[in-house]
């Protein structure tokens, strides 16, 4: 993709996702992800109905009428986007491929975060750690992240979520909100996910295409594994072949669901042709 084309695409994504953030997600994001606690803000005159436990007795004694302490939520959080850049994420047969969906989801989450004065960082991964972008605030930082999402070329093709989570667990000590965006076509990552979920607020976003789940009955076709390059011929006219393909997808989806449930983390699934706005909004509202 040429530089001019990348900048044009960045602008398009900014307009679309920033608009969604401003009009839909800002309040939901704030409610869904709480700050680190409450900090003292000021004192004010006592009003009828105020909790008597909040009375500041020192100030009350000094001025001879009641004052209460006012606290506010410590909002500043760190949001980390762990983004699957493996070859399988470039697959798509519907309105967008998985990489395009992941990019838009990252943009929405990032703009929601900075609107709430949170920092945003990114880890690009394949079957190893590809790129680390430290957490920062500001619109220019988010536009840089979007540009990298559009233009970054990974060195490897595979997917290794276990090693990615291990790197994140070692590199990030401060509690963070973690969005892990992937199709999760990876080996066992349960132990690493357990550790991450104990330290951080982890949310998995599983993206998939309709053709990941089912094959159309179009006869004999050659299929290739995007990550290993292995090819084979499949007779999609055979109902048993199609059923087995669906069964494998269901088994994979169940593994992912169980892994996140065991760790105490959360998982949502979004198909490439689905309305991700509704999916995210429902998720945020359910967490609030």
Protein backbone atom coordinates (compact mmCIF):
# COMPACT_ATOMS: atom_id res chain seq x y z
CA UNK A 1 0.00 0.00 0.00
CA UNK A 2 1.45 3.39 -1.04
CA UNK A 3 1.95 6.14 1.56
CA UNK A 4 -0.79 8.36 0.10
CA UNK A 5 -3.20 5.44 0.10
CA UNK A 6 -2.33 4.59 3.70
CA UNK A 7 -2.90 8.19 4.85
CA UNK A 8 -6.24 8.27 3.01
CA UNK A 9 -7.27 5.02 4.68
CA UNK A 10 -6.14 6.31 8.10
CA UNK A 11 -8.33 9.37 7.61
CA UNK A 12 -11.32 7.25 6.59
CA UNK A 13 -10.94 5.01 9.63
CA UNK A 14 -10.48 8.05 11.90
CA UNK A 15 -13.69 9.68 10.66
CA UNK A 16 -15.71 6.47 10.96
CA UNK A 17 -14.43 5.18 14.29
CA UNK A 18 -14.01 8.52 16.06
CA UNK A 19 -17.61 9.35 15.18
CA UNK A 20 -18.76 6.05 16.67
CA UNK A 21 -16.74 6.75 19.80
CA UNK A 22 -18.15 10.25 20.26
CA UNK A 23 -21.77 9.27 19.75
CA UNK A 24 -22.00 5.69 21.01
CA UNK A 25 -19.14 4.25 23.02
CA UNK A 26 -17.72 7.01 25.21
CA UNK A 27 -20.16 6.58 28.10
CA UNK A 28 -20.29 2.79 27.80
CA UNK A 29 -16.50 2.49 27.82
CA UNK A 30 -16.23 4.70 30.90
CA UNK A 31 -18.80 2.59 32.76
CA UNK A 32 -17.39 -0.75 31.61
CA UNK A 33 -13.80 -0.13 32.72
CA UNK A 34 -13.43 1.35 36.17
CA UNK A 35 -10.54 3.42 37.44
CA UNK A 36 -8.09 2.33 40.12
CA UNK A 37 -10.13 3.73 43.02
CA UNK A 38 -11.33 6.99 44.53
CA UNK A 39 -9.19 9.99 45.35
CA UNK A 40 -9.97 13.07 47.44
CA UNK A 41 -11.08 16.05 45.33
CA UNK A 42 -12.45 18.81 47.61
CA UNK A 43 -14.74 19.68 50.50
CA UNK A 44 -18.14 21.36 50.15
CA UNK A 45 -21.06 22.36 52.37
CA UNK A 46 -23.12 19.51 53.76
CA UNK A 47 -26.49 19.05 51.99
CA UNK A 48 -29.48 17.20 53.35
CA UNK A 49 -29.23 13.55 52.35
CA UNK A 50 -25.40 13.42 52.21
CA UNK A 51 -23.80 10.39 53.84
CA UNK A 52 -22.76 11.45 57.35
CA UNK A 53 -19.70 9.19 57.01
CA UNK A 54 -18.29 11.65 54.47
CA UNK A 55 -18.32 14.60 56.90
CA UNK A 56 -14.90 16.22 57.31
CA UNK A 57 -14.89 16.82 61.05
CA UNK A 58 -11.73 18.95 61.07
CA UNK A 59 -13.12 21.47 58.57
CA UNK A 60 -16.55 21.30 60.22
CA UNK A 61 -15.06 22.20 63.62
CA UNK A 62 -13.03 25.06 62.12
CA UNK A 63 -15.99 26.76 60.40
CA UNK A 64 -18.72 25.73 62.81
CA UNK A 65 -21.02 24.16 60.20
CA UNK A 66 -20.83 20.80 58.44
CA UNK A 67 -18.63 20.09 55.42
CA UNK A 68 -18.31 16.83 53.49
CA UNK A 69 -15.39 15.34 51.59
CA UNK A 70 -15.89 14.89 47.83
CA UNK A 71 -14.10 12.02 46.10
CA UNK A 72 -13.68 11.33 42.42
CA UNK A 73 -12.72 8.23 40.50
CA UNK A 74 -9.06 7.89 39.53
CA UNK A 75 -9.74 7.40 35.85
CA UNK A 76 -6.36 7.12 34.21
CA UNK A 77 -5.88 3.59 32.92
CA UNK A 78 -3.54 1.86 30.51
CA UNK A 79 -5.11 0.02 27.57
CA UNK A 80 -3.01 -2.57 25.73
CA UNK A 81 -4.06 -3.90 22.32
CA UNK A 82 -2.53 -7.31 21.55
CA UNK A 83 -3.04 -7.63 17.81
CA UNK A 84 -2.73 -10.80 15.72
CA UNK A 85 -0.81 -9.98 12.53
CA UNK A 86 -0.41 -13.59 11.36
CA UNK A 87 -1.19 -14.65 7.82
CA UNK A 88 -4.56 -16.17 8.76
CA UNK A 89 -5.79 -12.74 9.88
CA UNK A 90 -5.66 -11.54 6.27
CA UNK A 91 -8.37 -14.04 5.26
CA UNK A 92 -11.86 -12.80 4.41
CA UNK A 93 -14.65 -13.63 1.96
CA UNK A 94 -17.37 -11.22 3.07
CA UNK A 95 -17.48 -7.40 3.30
CA UNK A 96 -14.01 -7.19 4.93
CA UNK A 97 -11.17 -9.50 5.89
CA UNK A 98 -10.21 -10.23 9.49
CA UNK A 99 -7.31 -7.76 9.47
CA UNK A 100 -9.61 -4.92 8.37
CA UNK A 101 -12.09 -5.76 11.11
CA UNK A 102 -9.31 -5.90 13.72
CA UNK A 103 -8.01 -2.50 12.56
CA UNK A 104 -11.42 -0.85 12.94
CA UNK A 105 -11.98 -2.48 16.33
CA UNK A 106 -8.58 -1.25 17.52
CA UNK A 107 -9.37 2.28 16.32
CA UNK A 108 -12.71 2.35 18.15
CA UNK A 109 -11.18 1.03 21.37
CA UNK A 110 -8.21 3.42 21.14
CA UNK A 111 -10.34 6.52 20.53
CA UNK A 112 -12.66 5.46 23.38
CA UNK A 113 -9.62 5.17 25.65
CA UNK A 114 -8.08 8.55 24.87
CA UNK A 115 -11.47 10.25 25.18
CA UNK A 116 -11.35 9.03 28.79
CA UNK A 117 -7.75 10.23 29.19
CA UNK A 118 -6.30 6.71 29.19
CA UNK A 119 -3.02 5.61 27.65
CA UNK A 120 -2.96 3.16 24.73
CA UNK A 121 -0.17 0.76 23.79
CA UNK A 122 0.05 -2.02 21.20
CA UNK A 123 1.79 -5.35 20.73
CA UNK A 124 1.79 -6.81 17.21
CA UNK A 125 2.36 -10.55 17.19
CA UNK A 126 2.49 -13.58 14.92
CA UNK A 127 4.21 -16.75 16.15
CA UNK A 128 6.49 -14.35 18.01
CA UNK A 129 6.46 -10.76 19.23
CA UNK A 130 6.67 -8.50 16.16
CA UNK A 131 6.41 -4.91 17.45
CA UNK A 132 5.84 -3.13 20.75
CA UNK A 133 4.42 0.40 20.82
CA UNK A 134 4.59 1.83 24.39
CA UNK A 135 1.41 3.30 25.92
CA UNK A 136 0.84 7.01 25.33
CA UNK A 137 -2.01 9.49 25.22
CA UNK A 138 -3.22 11.74 22.43
CA UNK A 139 -4.84 11.73 19.03
CA UNK A 140 -1.54 11.76 17.11
CA UNK A 141 -0.49 8.58 18.93
CA UNK A 142 -3.75 6.84 17.96
CA UNK A 143 -3.37 7.90 14.31
CA UNK A 144 0.18 6.49 14.39
CA UNK A 145 -1.18 3.18 15.70
CA UNK A 146 -3.82 3.04 12.94
CA UNK A 147 -1.16 3.76 10.32
CA UNK A 148 0.98 0.93 11.67
CA UNK A 149 -1.99 -1.43 11.68
CA UNK A 150 -2.53 -0.69 7.99
CA UNK A 151 1.08 -0.81 6.84
CA UNK A 152 2.91 -3.23 9.15
CA UNK A 153 4.30 -6.38 7.51
CA UNK A 154 5.05 -9.20 9.97
CA UNK A 155 8.26 -11.23 9.69
CA UNK A 156 6.51 -14.53 10.38
CA UNK A 157 3.22 -16.13 9.32
CA UNK A 158 2.12 -18.26 12.27
CA UNK A 159 0.23 -17.53 15.51
CA UNK A 160 1.54 -18.09 19.03
CA UNK A 161 -0.71 -16.58 21.67
CA UNK A 162 1.09 -18.33 24.55
CA UNK A 163 4.42 -16.63 23.80
CA UNK A 164 2.71 -13.29 23.20
CA UNK A 165 1.00 -13.40 26.60
CA UNK A 166 4.28 -14.47 28.23
CA UNK A 167 6.05 -11.46 26.72
CA UNK A 168 3.22 -9.17 27.85
CA UNK A 169 3.20 -10.64 31.38
CA UNK A 170 6.97 -10.04 31.71
CA UNK A 171 6.97 -6.58 30.10
CA UNK A 172 3.91 -5.04 31.81
CA UNK A 173 3.79 -4.84 35.59
CA UNK A 174 1.14 -2.12 35.94
CA UNK A 175 -2.44 -3.40 35.87
CA UNK A 176 -3.92 -2.75 32.43
CA UNK A 177 -7.00 -3.31 30.34
CA UNK A 178 -5.95 -5.85 27.70
CA UNK A 179 -7.79 -6.46 24.44
CA UNK A 180 -6.48 -9.58 22.68
CA UNK A 181 -7.67 -9.46 19.05
CA UNK A 182 -7.15 -12.65 17.05
CA UNK A 183 -8.79 -15.57 15.29
CA UNK A 184 -7.07 -17.64 18.03
CA UNK A 185 -5.77 -20.25 15.56
CA UNK A 186 -2.98 -21.06 17.97
CA UNK A 187 -1.71 -23.82 20.22
CA UNK A 188 -2.55 -24.15 23.91
CA UNK A 189 -2.31 -20.81 25.74
CA UNK A 190 -4.28 -21.61 28.92
CA UNK A 191 -1.48 -21.15 31.50
CA UNK A 192 -0.28 -17.84 30.06
CA UNK A 193 -3.87 -16.57 29.89
CA UNK A 194 -4.44 -17.55 33.53
CA UNK A 195 -1.45 -15.46 34.64
CA UNK A 196 -2.44 -12.46 32.51
CA UNK A 197 -6.05 -12.53 33.75
CA UNK A 198 -4.93 -12.51 37.40
CA UNK A 199 -2.87 -9.36 36.88
CA UNK A 200 -4.94 -7.52 34.29
CA UNK A 201 -8.48 -7.00 32.99
CA UNK A 202 -8.34 -9.24 29.89
CA UNK A 203 -10.88 -9.24 27.08
CA UNK A 204 -10.53 -11.52 24.06
CA UNK A 205 -12.07 -10.49 20.75
CA UNK A 206 -12.25 -13.48 18.43
CA UNK A 207 -12.70 -12.48 14.79
CA UNK A 208 -13.72 -15.03 12.19
CA UNK A 209 -15.08 -15.30 8.66
CA UNK A 210 -18.15 -17.21 7.56
CA UNK A 211 -15.90 -19.53 5.55
CA UNK A 212 -13.89 -20.34 8.67
CA UNK A 213 -17.04 -21.99 9.96
CA UNK A 214 -18.66 -23.57 6.90
CA UNK A 215 -17.82 -24.57 3.35
CA UNK A 216 -20.12 -23.94 0.38
CA UNK A 217 -21.06 -27.06 -1.66
CA UNK A 218 -19.12 -26.11 -4.80
CA UNK A 219 -17.42 -29.42 -5.56
CA UNK A 220 -13.70 -30.24 -5.55
CA UNK A 221 -11.52 -27.33 -4.41
CA UNK A 222 -7.91 -26.86 -3.35
CA UNK A 223 -7.43 -25.14 0.00
CA UNK A 224 -4.23 -23.78 1.53
CA UNK A 225 -3.21 -23.13 5.13
CA UNK A 226 -2.17 -19.47 5.08
CA UNK A 227 0.30 -19.94 7.95
CA UNK A 228 2.02 -23.21 6.99
CA UNK A 229 1.51 -23.16 3.22
CA UNK A 230 0.19 -26.74 3.25
CA UNK A 231 -2.43 -27.47 0.57
CA UNK A 232 -5.00 -30.19 0.05
CA UNK A 233 -7.98 -31.01 -2.13
CA UNK A 234 -11.44 -31.09 -0.52
CA UNK A 235 -14.67 -32.36 -2.01
CA UNK A 236 -17.15 -29.81 -0.69
CA UNK A 237 -19.99 -31.62 -2.43
CA UNK A 238 -19.62 -34.35 0.22
CA UNK A 239 -21.93 -33.50 3.10
CA UNK A 240 -19.74 -35.40 5.59
CA UNK A 241 -16.75 -33.26 4.62
CA UNK A 242 -18.72 -30.07 5.25
CA UNK A 243 -20.05 -31.40 8.56
CA UNK A 244 -16.55 -32.31 9.74
CA UNK A 245 -15.31 -28.84 8.78
CA UNK A 246 -18.10 -27.26 10.87
CA UNK A 247 -17.36 -29.67 13.73
CA UNK A 248 -13.69 -28.60 13.79
CA UNK A 249 -14.67 -24.93 13.95
CA UNK A 250 -17.14 -25.64 16.78
CA UNK A 251 -14.44 -27.53 18.71
CA UNK A 252 -12.02 -24.63 18.30
CA UNK A 253 -14.65 -22.08 19.39
CA UNK A 254 -15.48 -24.17 22.46
CA UNK A 255 -11.80 -24.44 23.43
CA UNK A 256 -11.46 -20.65 23.28
CA UNK A 257 -14.63 -20.14 25.30
CA UNK A 258 -13.51 -22.62 27.97
CA UNK A 259 -9.98 -21.16 28.15
CA UNK A 260 -11.25 -17.66 28.85
CA UNK A 261 -13.90 -18.86 31.28
CA UNK A 262 -11.34 -20.88 33.30
CA UNK A 263 -9.00 -17.88 33.52
CA UNK A 264 -11.73 -15.46 34.60
CA UNK A 265 -11.22 -13.35 31.47
CA UNK A 266 -13.95 -12.46 28.99
CA UNK A 267 -14.35 -13.41 25.33
CA UNK A 268 -16.53 -12.06 22.56
CA UNK A 269 -16.76 -13.24 18.94
CA UNK A 270 -17.37 -11.03 15.91
CA UNK A 271 -17.80 -12.24 12.32
CA UNK A 272 -16.29 -10.21 9.48
CA UNK A 273 -19.72 -9.41 7.99
CA UNK A 274 -21.38 -8.58 11.32
CA UNK A 275 -22.15 -5.16 12.79
CA UNK A 276 -19.34 -4.80 15.32
CA UNK A 277 -20.98 -1.65 16.71
CA UNK A 278 -23.82 -3.68 18.21
CA UNK A 279 -21.44 -6.35 19.48
CA UNK A 280 -19.20 -3.83 21.28
CA UNK A 281 -22.10 -1.82 22.66
CA UNK A 282 -23.77 -4.93 24.07
CA UNK A 283 -20.50 -6.01 25.63
CA UNK A 284 -19.85 -2.62 27.26
CA UNK A 285 -23.40 -2.39 28.60
CA UNK A 286 -23.25 -5.90 30.08
CA UNK A 287 -20.04 -4.99 31.93
CA UNK A 288 -21.31 -1.70 33.31
